[in-house]
Protein backbone atom coordinates (compact mmCIF):
# COMPACT_ATOMS: atom_id res chain seq x y z
CA MET A 1 -78.90 -12.95 -29.65
CA ALA A 2 -78.20 -15.50 -32.33
CA GLU A 3 -76.48 -14.30 -35.46
CA ASP A 4 -78.89 -14.93 -38.30
CA HIS A 5 -78.80 -12.74 -41.35
CA ALA A 6 -81.99 -13.99 -43.01
CA LYS A 7 -83.77 -11.23 -44.85
CA VAL A 8 -86.72 -9.77 -42.94
CA THR A 9 -89.44 -7.86 -44.76
CA ILE A 10 -91.96 -5.88 -42.73
CA THR A 11 -95.35 -5.04 -44.19
CA HIS A 12 -98.17 -2.97 -42.73
CA HIS A 13 -101.77 -4.17 -42.93
CA VAL A 14 -104.73 -2.00 -41.97
CA GLN A 15 -107.32 -3.97 -40.02
CA GLY A 16 -110.51 -2.13 -39.24
CA GLN A 17 -109.43 1.14 -37.64
CA GLY A 18 -106.15 -0.37 -36.43
CA GLY A 19 -103.44 -2.39 -38.03
CA LYS A 20 -100.65 -4.89 -37.85
CA TYR A 21 -97.00 -4.80 -38.83
CA VAL A 22 -95.96 -8.26 -40.01
CA ALA A 23 -92.36 -9.49 -40.23
CA HIS A 24 -91.77 -12.07 -42.96
CA VAL A 25 -88.48 -14.00 -42.71
CA ASP A 26 -87.05 -15.45 -45.92
CA GLY A 27 -87.11 -19.21 -45.78
CA SER A 28 -89.63 -19.44 -42.93
CA GLU A 29 -93.37 -19.90 -42.82
CA HIS A 30 -93.46 -18.17 -39.42
CA THR A 31 -94.16 -14.48 -39.04
CA GLY A 32 -93.86 -12.03 -36.19
CA TYR A 33 -96.20 -9.11 -35.70
CA LEU A 34 -96.89 -5.89 -33.84
CA GLU A 35 -100.55 -4.93 -33.49
CA TRP A 36 -101.87 -1.43 -32.91
CA GLU A 37 -105.26 0.15 -32.45
CA PRO A 38 -106.38 3.79 -32.54
CA ARG A 39 -106.71 5.59 -29.23
CA ASP A 40 -110.29 6.36 -28.33
CA SER A 41 -110.04 10.06 -27.67
CA ALA A 42 -113.78 10.49 -26.99
CA GLY A 43 -113.73 13.58 -29.18
CA LYS A 44 -111.15 15.35 -26.99
CA THR A 45 -108.46 15.57 -29.66
CA LYS A 46 -108.00 15.04 -33.36
CA GLU A 47 -104.43 13.86 -32.85
CA ASP A 48 -103.72 10.58 -34.63
CA VAL A 49 -102.53 8.09 -32.00
CA HIS A 50 -101.56 4.45 -32.46
CA VAL A 51 -101.71 2.30 -29.34
CA ALA A 52 -99.14 -0.53 -29.66
CA THR A 53 -100.95 -3.43 -28.01
CA HIS A 54 -99.04 -6.65 -28.79
CA THR A 55 -95.71 -7.72 -30.19
CA VAL A 56 -95.34 -11.44 -30.93
CA VAL A 57 -92.42 -13.33 -32.45
CA PRO A 58 -92.66 -17.13 -32.53
CA GLN A 59 -89.76 -19.03 -31.01
CA ALA A 60 -88.98 -20.57 -34.42
CA ILE A 61 -87.80 -17.15 -35.68
CA GLY A 62 -86.79 -15.65 -32.34
CA GLY A 63 -83.35 -14.35 -31.45
CA ARG A 64 -82.95 -12.39 -34.68
CA GLY A 65 -84.02 -8.95 -33.51
CA ILE A 66 -87.35 -9.19 -35.29
CA ALA A 67 -89.41 -7.65 -32.48
CA GLY A 68 -87.03 -4.69 -32.44
CA GLN A 69 -87.36 -4.31 -36.20
CA LEU A 70 -91.13 -4.24 -35.87
CA VAL A 71 -90.95 -1.45 -33.29
CA GLU A 72 -88.44 0.47 -35.41
CA ARG A 73 -90.85 0.29 -38.37
CA LEU A 74 -93.67 1.63 -36.17
CA VAL A 75 -91.41 4.48 -35.06
CA ALA A 76 -90.30 5.20 -38.64
CA ASP A 77 -93.93 5.36 -39.76
CA SER A 78 -94.73 7.64 -36.81
CA ARG A 79 -92.08 10.06 -38.02
CA LYS A 80 -93.15 9.74 -41.66
CA TYR A 81 -96.91 10.04 -41.17
CA GLY A 82 -97.04 12.21 -38.04
CA PHE A 83 -98.91 9.98 -35.61
CA LYS A 84 -98.04 9.54 -31.92
CA ILE A 85 -97.58 6.22 -30.12
CA VAL A 86 -98.89 4.82 -26.83
CA PRO A 87 -96.55 1.93 -25.95
CA ARG A 88 -99.08 -0.27 -24.10
CA CYS A 89 -97.23 -3.45 -25.09
CA SER A 90 -94.48 -4.13 -22.54
CA TYR A 91 -91.88 -4.78 -25.26
CA VAL A 92 -92.65 -1.50 -27.04
CA ALA A 93 -92.58 0.33 -23.68
CA LYS A 94 -89.11 -1.12 -22.96
CA LYS A 95 -87.87 -0.04 -26.39
CA PHE A 96 -89.13 3.49 -25.66
CA GLU A 97 -87.22 3.44 -22.35
CA ASP A 98 -84.08 2.29 -24.19
CA ASN A 99 -84.44 5.01 -26.85
CA PRO A 100 -85.08 8.35 -25.12
CA GLU A 101 -84.80 10.10 -28.50
CA TRP A 102 -88.25 8.63 -29.29
CA GLU A 103 -89.92 10.53 -26.44
CA SER A 104 -91.31 13.19 -28.79
CA LEU A 105 -93.26 10.42 -30.56
CA ARG A 106 -95.01 9.29 -27.36
CA ALA A 107 -98.65 10.37 -27.05
CA LYS A 108 -99.48 12.47 -24.01
């Protein structure tokens, strides 16, 4: 991974019933993002579940750990707000594998 200490700010934007975490890198017009949608529970549960569907970081800002920071923000919000996560996105799923301490945040 390239060493680049540009400041990264992550914001959360609600979109419909889902949302998007957006990583803004100082000095760059490019942004990375992690999208999530609510799980359709068909009335079976009232548990709040965010399905992580896509994580995208353009090559222009790649190699700085931005995708990992996006997932960490999702996890931090899960802990703060009490929702569970379905890591449908392959990158998020890999991060869950690499961080077994997150298992309690995974939706059943």
